[in-house]
N, C-alpha and C. Protein backbone atom coordinates (compact mmCIF):
# COMPACT_ATOMS: atom_id res chain seq x y z
N MET A 1 15.18 2.13 -14.77
CA MET A 1 15.06 0.89 -14.02
C MET A 1 14.53 -0.18 -14.98
N ASN A 2 15.12 -1.36 -14.92
CA ASN A 2 14.68 -2.40 -15.84
C ASN A 2 13.34 -2.98 -15.41
N PRO A 3 12.61 -3.60 -16.34
CA PRO A 3 11.25 -4.09 -16.04
C PRO A 3 11.19 -5.07 -14.87
N GLU A 4 12.19 -5.92 -14.73
CA GLU A 4 12.17 -6.89 -13.64
C GLU A 4 12.27 -6.20 -12.27
N LYS A 5 13.15 -5.23 -12.17
CA LYS A 5 13.28 -4.47 -10.92
C LYS A 5 12.03 -3.65 -10.66
N ARG A 6 11.48 -3.07 -11.71
CA ARG A 6 10.27 -2.26 -11.57
C ARG A 6 9.13 -3.13 -11.05
N ARG A 7 8.97 -4.33 -11.60
CA ARG A 7 7.90 -5.24 -11.16
C ARG A 7 8.12 -5.65 -9.70
N ALA A 8 9.37 -5.93 -9.32
CA ALA A 8 9.67 -6.29 -7.93
C ALA A 8 9.31 -5.14 -6.98
N LEU A 9 9.62 -3.92 -7.38
CA LEU A 9 9.28 -2.76 -6.56
C LEU A 9 7.78 -2.58 -6.46
N THR A 10 7.09 -2.76 -7.57
CA THR A 10 5.62 -2.66 -7.57
C THR A 10 5.02 -3.71 -6.65
N ASP A 11 5.52 -4.94 -6.74
CA ASP A 11 5.01 -6.01 -5.88
C ASP A 11 5.26 -5.71 -4.41
N PHE A 12 6.44 -5.15 -4.10
CA PHE A 12 6.74 -4.78 -2.72
C PHE A 12 5.72 -3.77 -2.21
N TYR A 13 5.47 -2.71 -2.97
CA TYR A 13 4.52 -1.69 -2.53
C TYR A 13 3.11 -2.25 -2.44
N ARG A 14 2.74 -3.10 -3.36
CA ARG A 14 1.41 -3.73 -3.32
C ARG A 14 1.25 -4.52 -2.01
N GLU A 15 2.26 -5.30 -1.64
CA GLU A 15 2.22 -6.06 -0.39
C GLU A 15 2.16 -5.15 0.82
N GLU A 16 2.91 -4.06 0.80
CA GLU A 16 2.91 -3.13 1.92
C GLU A 16 1.54 -2.46 2.09
N PHE A 17 0.93 -2.04 0.98
CA PHE A 17 -0.39 -1.43 1.06
C PHE A 17 -1.41 -2.44 1.58
N LEU A 18 -1.28 -3.69 1.17
CA LEU A 18 -2.18 -4.73 1.64
C LEU A 18 -2.00 -4.96 3.14
N ARG A 19 -0.78 -4.90 3.64
CA ARG A 19 -0.54 -5.03 5.09
C ARG A 19 -1.25 -3.91 5.85
N HIS A 20 -1.19 -2.71 5.32
CA HIS A 20 -1.86 -1.58 5.98
C HIS A 20 -3.37 -1.77 5.96
N LEU A 21 -3.89 -2.26 4.85
CA LEU A 21 -5.33 -2.52 4.77
C LEU A 21 -5.75 -3.58 5.79
N HIS A 22 -4.98 -4.64 5.90
CA HIS A 22 -5.29 -5.69 6.89
C HIS A 22 -5.23 -5.14 8.31
N HIS A 23 -4.28 -4.25 8.55
CA HIS A 23 -4.18 -3.64 9.87
C HIS A 23 -5.43 -2.81 10.17
N LEU A 24 -5.88 -2.05 9.19
CA LEU A 24 -7.10 -1.27 9.38
C LEU A 24 -8.31 -2.17 9.62
N GLU A 25 -8.36 -3.30 8.92
CA GLU A 25 -9.45 -4.26 9.13
C GLU A 25 -9.40 -4.83 10.54
N SER A 26 -8.21 -5.20 10.99
CA SER A 26 -8.08 -5.83 12.31
C SER A 26 -8.40 -4.86 13.45
N HIS A 27 -8.34 -3.57 13.19
CA HIS A 27 -8.66 -2.57 14.22
C HIS A 27 -10.04 -1.95 14.03
N GLY A 28 -10.84 -2.55 13.16
CA GLY A 28 -12.23 -2.15 13.02
C GLY A 28 -12.48 -0.92 12.17
N VAL A 29 -11.43 -0.37 11.56
CA VAL A 29 -11.62 0.80 10.70
C VAL A 29 -12.37 0.39 9.44
N VAL A 30 -12.01 -0.78 8.92
CA VAL A 30 -12.74 -1.37 7.79
C VAL A 30 -13.71 -2.38 8.39
N SER A 31 -14.98 -2.17 8.15
CA SER A 31 -16.01 -3.04 8.73
C SER A 31 -17.01 -3.42 7.65
N ALA A 32 -18.00 -4.18 8.03
CA ALA A 32 -19.04 -4.58 7.08
C ALA A 32 -19.74 -3.37 6.47
N ALA A 33 -19.86 -2.31 7.25
CA ALA A 33 -20.57 -1.12 6.79
C ALA A 33 -19.84 -0.39 5.66
N ASN A 34 -18.51 -0.47 5.65
CA ASN A 34 -17.77 0.26 4.61
C ASN A 34 -16.92 -0.65 3.73
N ARG A 35 -17.06 -1.95 3.89
CA ARG A 35 -16.23 -2.91 3.16
C ARG A 35 -16.34 -2.73 1.65
N GLU A 36 -17.55 -2.56 1.12
CA GLU A 36 -17.72 -2.44 -0.33
C GLU A 36 -16.97 -1.23 -0.88
N ALA A 37 -17.08 -0.11 -0.20
CA ALA A 37 -16.39 1.11 -0.64
C ALA A 37 -14.87 0.93 -0.56
N VAL A 38 -14.40 0.29 0.50
CA VAL A 38 -12.97 0.06 0.65
C VAL A 38 -12.48 -0.88 -0.45
N ASN A 39 -13.23 -1.93 -0.74
CA ASN A 39 -12.83 -2.87 -1.79
C ASN A 39 -12.77 -2.18 -3.15
N ARG A 40 -13.73 -1.32 -3.44
CA ARG A 40 -13.71 -0.57 -4.71
C ARG A 40 -12.49 0.33 -4.77
N ALA A 41 -12.21 1.03 -3.69
CA ALA A 41 -11.06 1.94 -3.67
C ALA A 41 -9.76 1.16 -3.81
N TYR A 42 -9.66 0.04 -3.11
CA TYR A 42 -8.44 -0.77 -3.18
C TYR A 42 -8.24 -1.32 -4.59
N HIS A 43 -9.32 -1.81 -5.21
CA HIS A 43 -9.21 -2.33 -6.58
C HIS A 43 -8.77 -1.22 -7.54
N SER A 44 -9.36 -0.07 -7.40
CA SER A 44 -8.99 1.07 -8.24
C SER A 44 -7.53 1.45 -8.02
N PHE A 45 -7.11 1.42 -6.78
CA PHE A 45 -5.72 1.72 -6.44
C PHE A 45 -4.78 0.74 -7.12
N LEU A 46 -5.11 -0.55 -7.08
CA LEU A 46 -4.23 -1.55 -7.70
C LEU A 46 -4.14 -1.36 -9.20
N VAL A 47 -5.25 -1.04 -9.83
CA VAL A 47 -5.24 -0.78 -11.27
C VAL A 47 -4.36 0.44 -11.56
N ASP A 48 -4.53 1.49 -10.78
CA ASP A 48 -3.72 2.69 -10.96
C ASP A 48 -2.24 2.42 -10.69
N LEU A 49 -1.95 1.60 -9.69
CA LEU A 49 -0.58 1.27 -9.36
C LEU A 49 0.10 0.58 -10.53
N ASP A 50 -0.60 -0.34 -11.18
CA ASP A 50 -0.03 -1.01 -12.34
C ASP A 50 0.30 -0.03 -13.45
N GLY A 51 -0.54 0.97 -13.64
CA GLY A 51 -0.28 1.97 -14.67
C GLY A 51 0.82 2.95 -14.29
N VAL A 52 0.86 3.34 -13.03
CA VAL A 52 1.83 4.32 -12.56
C VAL A 52 3.22 3.72 -12.42
N CYS A 53 3.31 2.43 -12.21
CA CYS A 53 4.61 1.80 -11.94
C CYS A 53 5.61 1.99 -13.07
N TRP A 54 5.15 2.32 -14.26
CA TRP A 54 6.07 2.47 -15.39
C TRP A 54 6.48 3.92 -15.60
N ARG A 55 6.00 4.83 -14.79
CA ARG A 55 6.39 6.23 -14.91
C ARG A 55 7.73 6.47 -14.22
N ALA A 56 8.42 7.47 -14.68
CA ALA A 56 9.77 7.76 -14.17
C ALA A 56 9.78 8.02 -12.66
N GLY A 57 8.79 8.72 -12.14
CA GLY A 57 8.79 9.08 -10.72
C GLY A 57 8.08 8.09 -9.82
N PHE A 58 7.83 6.88 -10.32
CA PHE A 58 7.06 5.91 -9.55
C PHE A 58 7.62 5.64 -8.15
N PRO A 59 8.91 5.37 -7.98
CA PRO A 59 9.39 5.07 -6.62
C PRO A 59 9.08 6.19 -5.63
N GLU A 60 9.21 7.43 -6.06
CA GLU A 60 8.93 8.55 -5.16
C GLU A 60 7.43 8.65 -4.84
N VAL A 61 6.59 8.44 -5.86
CA VAL A 61 5.14 8.48 -5.65
C VAL A 61 4.72 7.36 -4.71
N ALA A 62 5.21 6.15 -4.95
CA ALA A 62 4.84 5.01 -4.11
C ALA A 62 5.31 5.22 -2.67
N GLU A 63 6.51 5.74 -2.49
CA GLU A 63 7.04 5.99 -1.15
C GLU A 63 6.18 7.02 -0.42
N THR A 64 5.78 8.07 -1.12
CA THR A 64 4.92 9.09 -0.51
C THR A 64 3.58 8.49 -0.09
N LEU A 65 2.99 7.68 -0.97
CA LEU A 65 1.72 7.03 -0.63
C LEU A 65 1.88 6.12 0.58
N LEU A 66 2.96 5.35 0.60
CA LEU A 66 3.19 4.45 1.72
C LEU A 66 3.38 5.23 3.01
N GLN A 67 4.08 6.33 2.96
CA GLN A 67 4.24 7.16 4.16
C GLN A 67 2.90 7.70 4.63
N ASN A 68 2.04 8.07 3.70
CA ASN A 68 0.71 8.56 4.07
C ASN A 68 -0.12 7.45 4.71
N PHE A 69 -0.04 6.24 4.17
CA PHE A 69 -0.73 5.12 4.78
C PHE A 69 -0.20 4.89 6.19
N ASP A 70 1.12 4.96 6.35
CA ASP A 70 1.71 4.71 7.66
C ASP A 70 1.32 5.79 8.66
N THR A 71 1.13 6.99 8.20
CA THR A 71 0.66 8.06 9.08
C THR A 71 -0.71 7.70 9.64
N LEU A 72 -1.53 7.08 8.82
CA LEU A 72 -2.87 6.67 9.24
C LEU A 72 -2.82 5.46 10.17
N THR A 73 -2.04 4.44 9.81
CA THR A 73 -2.06 3.18 10.55
C THR A 73 -1.02 3.08 11.66
N ARG A 74 0.06 3.84 11.53
CA ARG A 74 1.20 3.74 12.48
C ARG A 74 1.74 2.31 12.53
N LEU A 75 1.60 1.58 11.43
CA LEU A 75 2.01 0.19 11.38
C LEU A 75 3.51 0.03 11.54
N SER A 76 4.30 0.96 11.04
CA SER A 76 5.75 0.84 11.15
C SER A 76 6.20 0.85 12.60
N GLU A 77 5.44 1.50 13.47
CA GLU A 77 5.79 1.52 14.90
C GLU A 77 5.57 0.17 15.55
N LEU A 78 4.69 -0.64 14.97
CA LEU A 78 4.36 -1.95 15.52
C LEU A 78 5.10 -3.08 14.84
N ASP A 79 5.77 -2.79 13.74
CA ASP A 79 6.39 -3.80 12.89
C ASP A 79 7.67 -4.32 13.53
N PRO A 80 7.72 -5.61 13.89
CA PRO A 80 8.92 -6.16 14.51
C PRO A 80 10.13 -6.17 13.58
N ARG A 81 9.90 -6.07 12.28
CA ARG A 81 11.01 -6.06 11.32
C ARG A 81 11.82 -4.77 11.44
N ARG A 82 11.25 -3.74 12.07
CA ARG A 82 11.94 -2.46 12.18
C ARG A 82 12.55 -2.29 13.56
N GLY A 83 12.56 -3.35 14.36
CA GLY A 83 13.10 -3.26 15.70
C GLY A 83 14.62 -3.13 15.70
N HIS A 84 15.17 -2.77 16.86
CA HIS A 84 16.62 -2.58 16.96
C HIS A 84 17.30 -3.87 17.27
């Protein structure tokens, strides 16, 4: 995959993970009590994502992570973009 496509894919996954994080915040899962830990984990995740995005299996890894996030948030069930 060329660098431009790889960057676009990375940006897509970054935005999707951020949507899931915002969903968790809006439902009280992320609160003042755990915000610092969540921010540290999210920052670490973004740094790791930048490094992993250049590996051959990145699309599969990112898709698996996104599916795991969706299992937690069920955001895809609420997403109007996925409607019929």
